């Protein structure tokens, strides 16, 4: 049986500590987290925070597949450090 996008996202949020923990981490309401699950994606600006919080166990690609995360990862790895 194939999992739905919402089921996959629900498991990812549970792996990241659960809806309440993720809501606290992102400074949003837990209702927002349930809305993300219902819609089947987390807003792109929150994905890197969740990925870092759970040491990469939940990847941005799972949280929001509409973003080309490989492109962003590749370009951020090649970015020049800011001058001090």
PDB file of N, CA and C in Angstrom:
ATOM      1  N   UNK A   1       0.850  -1.188   0.000  1.00  0.00           N
ATOM      2  CA  UNK A   1       0.000   0.000   0.000  1.00  0.00           C
ATOM      3  C   UNK A   1       0.893   1.247   0.000  1.00  0.00           C
ATOM      4  N   UNK A   2       0.631   2.150  -0.893  1.00  0.00           N
ATOM      5  CA  UNK A   2       1.429   3.362  -1.026  1.00  0.00           C
ATOM      6  C   UNK A   2       0.988   4.395   0.017  1.00  0.00           C
ATOM      7  N   UNK A   3       1.980   5.056   0.624  1.00  0.00           N
ATOM      8  CA  UNK A   3       1.645   6.081   1.612  1.00  0.00           C
ATOM      9  C   UNK A   3       1.288   7.373   0.903  1.00  0.00           C
ATOM     10  N   UNK A   4       0.389   8.117   1.514  1.00  0.00           N
ATOM     11  CA  UNK A   4       0.034   9.409   0.948  1.00  0.00           C
ATOM     12  C   UNK A   4       1.046  10.437   1.400  1.00  0.00           C
ATOM     13  N   UNK A   5       1.074  11.554   0.726  1.00  0.00           N
ATOM     14  CA  UNK A   5       1.973  12.659   1.067  1.00  0.00           C
ATOM     15  C   UNK A   5       1.744  13.107   2.514  1.00  0.00           C
ATOM     16  N   UNK A   6       0.478  13.201   2.935  1.00  0.00           N
ATOM     17  CA  UNK A   6       0.170  13.628   4.303  1.00  0.00           C
ATOM     18  C   UNK A   6       0.674  12.624   5.335  1.00  0.00           C
ATOM     19  N   UNK A   7       0.551  11.337   5.047  1.00  0.00           N
ATOM     20  CA  UNK A   7       1.051  10.308   5.974  1.00  0.00           C
ATOM     21  C   UNK A   7       2.566  10.390   6.100  1.00  0.00           C
ATOM     22  N   UNK A   8       3.231  10.594   4.985  1.00  0.00           N
ATOM     23  CA  UNK A   8       4.685  10.727   4.989  1.00  0.00           C
ATOM     24  C   UNK A   8       5.106  11.951   5.799  1.00  0.00           C
ATOM     25  N   UNK A   9       4.406  13.043   5.610  1.00  0.00           N
ATOM     26  CA  UNK A   9       4.717  14.267   6.339  1.00  0.00           C
ATOM     27  C   UNK A   9       4.418  14.106   7.829  1.00  0.00           C
ATOM     28  N   UNK A  10       3.331  13.440   8.162  1.00  0.00           N
ATOM     29  CA  UNK A  10       2.989  13.193   9.564  1.00  0.00           C
ATOM     30  C   UNK A  10       4.111  12.403  10.247  1.00  0.00           C
ATOM     31  N   UNK A  11       4.616  11.368   9.570  1.00  0.00           N
ATOM     32  CA  UNK A  11       5.731  10.580  10.122  1.00  0.00           C
ATOM     33  C   UNK A  11       6.983  11.437  10.267  1.00  0.00           C
ATOM     34  N   UNK A  12       7.233  12.302   9.309  1.00  0.00           N
ATOM     35  CA  UNK A  12       8.411  13.174   9.374  1.00  0.00           C
ATOM     36  C   UNK A  12       8.315  14.114  10.570  1.00  0.00           C
ATOM     37  N   UNK A  13       7.151  14.677  10.805  1.00  0.00           N
ATOM     38  CA  UNK A  13       6.973  15.590  11.938  1.00  0.00           C
ATOM     39  C   UNK A  13       7.100  14.832  13.254  1.00  0.00           C
ATOM     40  N   UNK A  14       6.563  13.621  13.314  1.00  0.00           N
ATOM     41  CA  UNK A  14       6.725  12.811  14.523  1.00  0.00           C
ATOM     42  C   UNK A  14       8.206  12.512  14.764  1.00  0.00           C
ATOM     43  N   UNK A  15       8.938  12.220  13.699  1.00  0.00           N
ATOM     44  CA  UNK A  15      10.369  11.936  13.825  1.00  0.00           C
ATOM     45  C   UNK A  15      11.148  13.166  14.290  1.00  0.00           C
ATOM     46  N   UNK A  16      10.623  14.339  13.966  1.00  0.00           N
ATOM     47  CA  UNK A  16      11.281  15.590  14.376  1.00  0.00           C
ATOM     48  C   UNK A  16      10.847  16.024  15.768  1.00  0.00           C
ATOM     49  N   UNK A  17      10.051  15.208  16.455  1.00  0.00           N
ATOM     50  CA  UNK A  17       9.671  15.501  17.838  1.00  0.00           C
ATOM     51  C   UNK A  17       8.193  15.690  18.067  1.00  0.00           C
ATOM     52  N   UNK A  18       7.394  15.644  17.022  1.00  0.00           N
ATOM     53  CA  UNK A  18       5.952  15.790  17.150  1.00  0.00           C
ATOM     54  C   UNK A  18       5.487  17.202  16.821  1.00  0.00           C
ATOM     55  N   UNK A  19       4.182  17.326  16.639  1.00  0.00           N
ATOM     56  CA  UNK A  19       3.603  18.595  16.195  1.00  0.00           C
ATOM     57  C   UNK A  19       3.865  19.739  17.163  1.00  0.00           C
ATOM     58  N   UNK A  20       3.736  19.482  18.450  1.00  0.00           N
ATOM     59  CA  UNK A  20       3.936  20.551  19.432  1.00  0.00           C
ATOM     60  C   UNK A  20       5.393  20.996  19.442  1.00  0.00           C
ATOM     61  N   UNK A  21       6.315  20.038  19.418  1.00  0.00           N
ATOM     62  CA  UNK A  21       7.746  20.378  19.416  1.00  0.00           C
ATOM     63  C   UNK A  21       8.130  21.147  18.160  1.00  0.00           C
ATOM     64  N   UNK A  22       7.623  20.718  17.017  1.00  0.00           N
ATOM     65  CA  UNK A  22       7.933  21.407  15.761  1.00  0.00           C
ATOM     66  C   UNK A  22       7.307  22.800  15.754  1.00  0.00           C
ATOM     67  N   UNK A  23       6.091  22.926  16.269  1.00  0.00           N
ATOM     68  CA  UNK A  23       5.445  24.244  16.344  1.00  0.00           C
ATOM     69  C   UNK A  23       6.263  25.188  17.213  1.00  0.00           C
ATOM     70  N   UNK A  24       6.750  24.690  18.343  1.00  0.00           N
ATOM     71  CA  UNK A  24       7.581  25.512  19.227  1.00  0.00           C
ATOM     72  C   UNK A  24       8.875  25.901  18.530  1.00  0.00           C
ATOM     73  N   UNK A  25       9.500  24.950  17.875  1.00  0.00           N
ATOM     74  CA  UNK A  25      10.743  25.202  17.155  1.00  0.00           C
ATOM     75  C   UNK A  25      10.567  26.291  16.091  1.00  0.00           C
ATOM     76  N   UNK A  26       9.447  26.250  15.383  1.00  0.00           N
ATOM     77  CA  UNK A  26       9.208  27.191  14.280  1.00  0.00           C
ATOM     78  C   UNK A  26       8.501  28.467  14.723  1.00  0.00           C
ATOM     79  N   UNK A  27       8.099  28.503  15.980  1.00  0.00           N
ATOM     80  CA  UNK A  27       7.348  29.641  16.524  1.00  0.00           C
ATOM     81  C   UNK A  27       6.049  29.863  15.753  1.00  0.00           C
ATOM     82  N   UNK A  28       5.333  28.761  15.540  1.00  0.00           N
ATOM     83  CA  UNK A  28       4.010  28.789  14.923  1.00  0.00           C
ATOM     84  C   UNK A  28       3.060  28.009  15.825  1.00  0.00           C
ATOM     85  N   UNK A  29       1.775  28.091  15.572  1.00  0.00           N
ATOM     86  CA  UNK A  29       0.811  27.325  16.366  1.00  0.00           C
ATOM     87  C   UNK A  29       0.833  25.858  15.944  1.00  0.00           C
ATOM     88  N   UNK A  30       0.394  25.011  16.847  1.00  0.00           N
ATOM     89  CA  UNK A  30       0.325  23.589  16.475  1.00  0.00           C
ATOM     90  C   UNK A  30      -0.716  23.391  15.386  1.00  0.00           C
ATOM     91  N   UNK A  31      -1.706  24.282  15.333  1.00  0.00           N
ATOM     92  CA  UNK A  31      -2.712  24.209  14.271  1.00  0.00           C
ATOM     93  C   UNK A  31      -2.064  24.441  12.907  1.00  0.00           C
ATOM     94  N   UNK A  32      -1.048  25.286  12.864  1.00  0.00           N
ATOM     95  CA  UNK A  32      -0.316  25.494  11.604  1.00  0.00           C
ATOM     96  C   UNK A  32       0.355  24.200  11.173  1.00  0.00           C
ATOM     97  N   UNK A  33       0.904  23.460  12.126  1.00  0.00           N
ATOM     98  CA  UNK A  33       1.556  22.183  11.808  1.00  0.00           C
ATOM     99  C   UNK A  33       0.538  21.208  11.222  1.00  0.00           C
ATOM    100  N   UNK A  34      -0.631  21.137  11.834  1.00  0.00           N
ATOM    101  CA  UNK A  34      -1.680  20.252  11.308  1.00  0.00           C
ATOM    102  C   UNK A  34      -2.139  20.700   9.921  1.00  0.00           C
ATOM    103  N   UNK A  35      -2.117  21.997   9.671  1.00  0.00           N
ATOM    104  CA  UNK A  35      -2.441  22.509   8.342  1.00  0.00           C
ATOM    105  C   UNK A  35      -1.371  22.082   7.333  1.00  0.00           C
ATOM    106  N   UNK A  36      -0.104  22.127   7.741  1.00  0.00           N
ATOM    107  CA  UNK A  36       0.971  21.672   6.854  1.00  0.00           C
ATOM    108  C   UNK A  36       0.753  20.208   6.485  1.00  0.00           C
ATOM    109  N   UNK A  37       0.377  19.398   7.481  1.00  0.00           N
ATOM    110  CA  UNK A  37       0.130  17.976   7.223  1.00  0.00           C
ATOM    111  C   UNK A  37      -1.040  17.820   6.260  1.00  0.00           C
ATOM    112  N   UNK A  38      -2.109  18.558   6.509  1.00  0.00           N
ATOM    113  CA  UNK A  38      -3.295  18.473   5.643  1.00  0.00           C
ATOM    114  C   UNK A  38      -2.957  18.843   4.199  1.00  0.00           C
ATOM    115  N   UNK A  39      -2.140  19.900   4.033  1.00  0.00           N
ATOM    116  CA  UNK A  39      -1.755  20.347   2.689  1.00  0.00           C
ATOM    117  C   UNK A  39      -0.682  19.460   2.063  1.00  0.00           C
ATOM    118  N   UNK A  40       0.040  18.703   2.897  1.00  0.00           N
ATOM    119  CA  UNK A  40       1.054  17.799   2.382  1.00  0.00           C
ATOM    120  C   UNK A  40       2.412  18.437   2.165  1.00  0.00           C
ATOM    121  N   UNK A  41       2.653  19.590   2.793  1.00  0.00           N
ATOM    122  CA  UNK A  41       3.981  20.212   2.701  1.00  0.00           C
ATOM    123  C   UNK A  41       4.143  21.282   3.765  1.00  0.00           C
ATOM    124  N   UNK A  42       5.397  21.463   4.144  1.00  0.00           N
ATOM    125  CA  UNK A  42       5.787  22.509   5.092  1.00  0.00           C
ATOM    126  C   UNK A  42       6.278  23.690   4.259  1.00  0.00           C
ATOM    127  N   UNK A  43       5.983  24.930   4.651  1.00  0.00           N
ATOM    128  CA  UNK A  43       6.521  26.070   3.914  1.00  0.00           C
ATOM    129  C   UNK A  43       8.051  25.960   3.801  1.00  0.00           C
ATOM    130  N   UNK A  44       8.556  26.287   2.644  1.00  0.00           N
ATOM    131  CA  UNK A  44       9.983  26.110   2.347  1.00  0.00           C
ATOM    132  C   UNK A  44      10.889  26.782   3.375  1.00  0.00           C
ATOM    133  N   UNK A  45      10.491  27.938   3.900  1.00  0.00           N
ATOM    134  CA  UNK A  45      11.369  28.642   4.834  1.00  0.00           C
ATOM    135  C   UNK A  45      11.560  27.899   6.148  1.00  0.00           C
ATOM    136  N   UNK A  46      10.671  26.946   6.470  1.00  0.00           N
ATOM    137  CA  UNK A  46      10.799  26.188   7.714  1.00  0.00           C
ATOM    138  C   UNK A  46      11.546  24.863   7.544  1.00  0.00           C
ATOM    139  N   UNK A  47      11.654  24.383   6.331  1.00  0.00           N
ATOM    140  CA  UNK A  47      12.241  23.060   6.093  1.00  0.00           C
ATOM    141  C   UNK A  47      13.676  22.927   6.592  1.00  0.00           C
ATOM    142  N   UNK A  48      14.582  23.852   6.290  1.00  0.00           N
ATOM    143  CA  UNK A  48      15.956  23.699   6.776  1.00  0.00           C
ATOM    144  C   UNK A  48      16.051  23.646   8.306  1.00  0.00           C
ATOM    145  N   UNK A  49      15.203  24.387   9.002  1.00  0.00           N
ATOM    146  CA  UNK A  49      15.220  24.378  10.467  1.00  0.00           C
ATOM    147  C   UNK A  49      14.850  23.002  10.993  1.00  0.00           C
ATOM    148  N   UNK A  50      13.808  22.411  10.430  1.00  0.00           N
ATOM    149  CA  UNK A  50      13.393  21.071  10.871  1.00  0.00           C
ATOM    150  C   UNK A  50      14.487  20.059  10.542  1.00  0.00           C
ATOM    151  N   UNK A  51      15.062  20.150   9.351  1.00  0.00           N
ATOM    152  CA  UNK A  51      16.115  19.210   8.960  1.00  0.00           C
ATOM    153  C   UNK A  51      17.306  19.301   9.916  1.00  0.00           C
ATOM    154  N   UNK A  52      17.723  20.512  10.256  1.00  0.00           N
ATOM    155  CA  UNK A  52      18.841  20.684  11.201  1.00  0.00           C
ATOM    156  C   UNK A  52      18.482  20.162  12.583  1.00  0.00           C
ATOM    157  N   UNK A  53      17.260  20.437  13.024  1.00  0.00           N
ATOM    158  CA  UNK A  53      16.811  20.051  14.364  1.00  0.00           C
ATOM    159  C   UNK A  53      16.868  18.531  14.567  1.00  0.00           C
ATOM    160  N   UNK A  54      16.572  17.787  13.527  1.00  0.00           N
ATOM    161  CA  UNK A  54      16.566  16.327  13.679  1.00  0.00           C
ATOM    162  C   UNK A  54      17.780  15.685  13.014  1.00  0.00           C
ATOM    163  N   UNK A  55      18.854  16.439  12.907  1.00  0.00           N
ATOM    164  CA  UNK A  55      20.135  15.933  12.387  1.00  0.00           C
ATOM    165  C   UNK A  55      20.011  15.260  11.027  1.00  0.00           C
ATOM    166  N   UNK A  56      19.149  15.779  10.184  1.00  0.00           N
ATOM    167  CA  UNK A  56      19.034  15.278   8.818  1.00  0.00           C
ATOM    168  C   UNK A  56      18.182  14.035   8.646  1.00  0.00           C
ATOM    169  N   UNK A  57      17.595  13.515   9.734  1.00  0.00           N
ATOM    170  CA  UNK A  57      16.736  12.330   9.596  1.00  0.00           C
ATOM    171  C   UNK A  57      15.504  12.642   8.754  1.00  0.00           C
ATOM    172  N   UNK A  58      15.039  13.880   8.836  1.00  0.00           N
ATOM    173  CA  UNK A  58      13.916  14.339   8.016  1.00  0.00           C
ATOM    174  C   UNK A  58      14.471  15.379   7.049  1.00  0.00           C
ATOM    175  N   UNK A  59      14.473  15.051   5.792  1.00  0.00           N
ATOM    176  CA  UNK A  59      15.061  15.930   4.785  1.00  0.00           C
ATOM    177  C   UNK A  59      14.038  16.929   4.261  1.00  0.00           C
ATOM    178  N   UNK A  60      14.540  18.050   3.805  1.00  0.00           N
ATOM    179  CA  UNK A  60      13.697  19.084   3.209  1.00  0.00           C
ATOM    180  C   UNK A  60      12.883  18.521   2.044  1.00  0.00           C
ATOM    181  N   UNK A  61      13.457  17.584   1.317  1.00  0.00           N
ATOM    182  CA  UNK A  61      12.790  16.978   0.168  1.00  0.00           C
ATOM    183  C   UNK A  61      11.483  16.299   0.571  1.00  0.00           C
ATOM    184  N   UNK A  62      11.417  15.772   1.777  1.00  0.00           N
ATOM    185  CA  UNK A  62      10.193  15.143   2.284  1.00  0.00           C
ATOM    186  C   UNK A  62       9.207  16.218   2.743  1.00  0.00           C
ATOM    187  N   UNK A  63       9.734  17.229   3.388  1.00  0.00           N
ATOM    188  CA  UNK A  63       8.884  18.270   3.964  1.00  0.00           C
ATOM    189  C   UNK A  63       8.218  19.142   2.908  1.00  0.00           C
ATOM    190  N   UNK A  64       8.931  19.402   1.809  1.00  0.00           N
ATOM    191  CA  UNK A  64       8.365  20.221   0.730  1.00  0.00           C
ATOM    192  C   UNK A  64       9.027  19.819  -0.587  1.00  0.00           C
ATOM    193  N   UNK A  65       8.406  18.879  -1.298  1.00  0.00           N
ATOM    194  CA  UNK A  65       9.012  18.377  -2.540  1.00  0.00           C
ATOM    195  C   UNK A  65       8.912  19.340  -3.722  1.00  0.00           C
ATOM    196  N   UNK A  66       8.237  20.461  -3.561  1.00  0.00           N
ATOM    197  CA  UNK A  66       8.080  21.386  -4.690  1.00  0.00           C
ATOM    198  C   UNK A  66       9.299  22.280  -4.895  1.00  0.00           C
ATOM    199  N   UNK A  67      10.261  22.229  -3.970  1.00  0.00           N
ATOM    200  CA  UNK A  67      11.478  23.046  -4.063  1.00  0.00           C
ATOM    201  C   UNK A  67      12.615  22.168  -4.575  1.00  0.00           C
ATOM    202  N   UNK A  68      13.478  22.715  -5.416  1.00  0.00           N
ATOM    203  CA  UNK A  68      14.651  21.980  -5.907  1.00  0.00           C
ATOM    204  C   UNK A  68      15.756  22.086  -4.855  1.00  0.00           C
ATOM    205  N   UNK A  69      15.668  21.266  -3.817  1.00  0.00           N
ATOM    206  CA  UNK A  69      16.607  21.319  -2.701  1.00  0.00           C
ATOM    207  C   UNK A  69      18.018  20.955  -3.135  1.00  0.00           C
ATOM    208  N   UNK A  70      18.167  20.058  -4.103  1.00  0.00           N
ATOM    209  CA  UNK A  70      19.516  19.716  -4.576  1.00  0.00           C
ATOM    210  C   UNK A  70      20.212  20.936  -5.153  1.00  0.00           C
ATOM    211  N   UNK A  71      19.496  21.734  -5.914  1.00  0.00           N
ATOM    212  CA  UNK A  71      20.052  22.957  -6.484  1.00  0.00           C
ATOM    213  C   UNK A  71      20.489  23.908  -5.367  1.00  0.00           C
ATOM    214  N   UNK A  72      19.617  24.107  -4.394  1.00  0.00           N
ATOM    215  CA  UNK A  72      19.948  25.010  -3.290  1.00  0.00           C
ATOM    216  C   UNK A  72      21.133  24.500  -2.469  1.00  0.00           C
ATOM    217  N   UNK A  73      21.171  23.200  -2.218  1.00  0.00           N
ATOM    218  CA  UNK A  73      22.291  22.629  -1.459  1.00  0.00           C
ATOM    219  C   UNK A  73      23.605  22.806  -2.232  1.00  0.00           C
ATOM    220  N   UNK A  74      23.552  22.530  -3.513  1.00  0.00           N
ATOM    221  CA  UNK A  74      24.752  22.640  -4.344  1.00  0.00           C
ATOM    222  C   UNK A  74      25.262  24.078  -4.382  1.00  0.00           C
ATOM    223  N   UNK A  75      24.365  25.021  -4.552  1.00  0.00           N
ATOM    224  CA  UNK A  75      24.789  26.418  -4.649  1.00  0.00           C
ATOM    225  C   UNK A  75      25.201  27.004  -3.307  1.00  0.00           C
ATOM    226  N   UNK A  76      24.615  26.556  -2.224  1.00  0.00           N
ATOM    227  CA  UNK A  76      25.039  27.065  -0.922  1.00  0.00           C
ATOM    228  C   UNK A  76      26.399  26.495  -0.546  1.00  0.00           C
ATOM    229  N   UNK A  77      26.718  25.301  -1.019  1.00  0.00           N
ATOM    230  CA  UNK A  77      28.024  24.709  -0.744  1.00  0.00           C
ATOM    231  C   UNK A  77      29.134  25.436  -1.491  1.00  0.00           C
ATOM    232  N   UNK A  78      28.802  26.065  -2.623  1.00  0.00           N
ATOM    233  CA  UNK A  78      29.793  26.771  -3.429  1.00  0.00           C
ATOM    234  C   UNK A  78      29.817  28.274  -3.146  1.00  0.00           C
ATOM    235  N   UNK A  79      28.935  28.723  -2.266  1.00  0.00           N
ATOM    236  CA  UNK A  79      28.851  30.165  -1.986  1.00  0.00           C
ATOM    237  C   UNK A  79      30.118  30.639  -1.281  1.00  0.00           C
ATOM    238  N   UNK A  80      30.538  31.829  -1.652  1.00  0.00           N
ATOM    239  CA  UNK A  80      31.704  32.452  -1.015  1.00  0.00           C
ATOM    240  C   UNK A  80      31.320  32.914   0.377  1.00  0.00           C
ATOM    241  N   UNK A  81      32.173  32.731   1.369  1.00  0.00           N
ATOM    242  CA  UNK A  81      31.865  33.275   2.689  1.00  0.00           C
ATOM    243  C   UNK A  81      31.830  34.805   2.644  1.00  0.00           C
ATOM    244  N   UNK A  82      30.951  35.376   3.426  1.00  0.00           N
ATOM    245  CA  UNK A  82      30.834  36.837   3.477  1.00  0.00           C
ATOM    246  C   UNK A  82      32.081  37.447   4.071  1.00  0.00           C
ATOM    247  N   UNK A  83      32.462  38.586   3.541  1.00  0.00           N
ATOM    248  CA  UNK A  83      33.650  39.283   4.068  1.00  0.00           C
ATOM    249  C   UNK A  83      33.349  39.833   5.452  1.00  0.00           C
ATOM    250  N   UNK A  84      34.311  39.744   6.326  1.00  0.00           N
ATOM    251  CA  UNK A  84      34.102  40.211   7.709  1.00  0.00           C
ATOM    252  C   UNK A  84      34.306  41.694   7.809  1.00  0.00           C
TER     253      UNK A  84
END
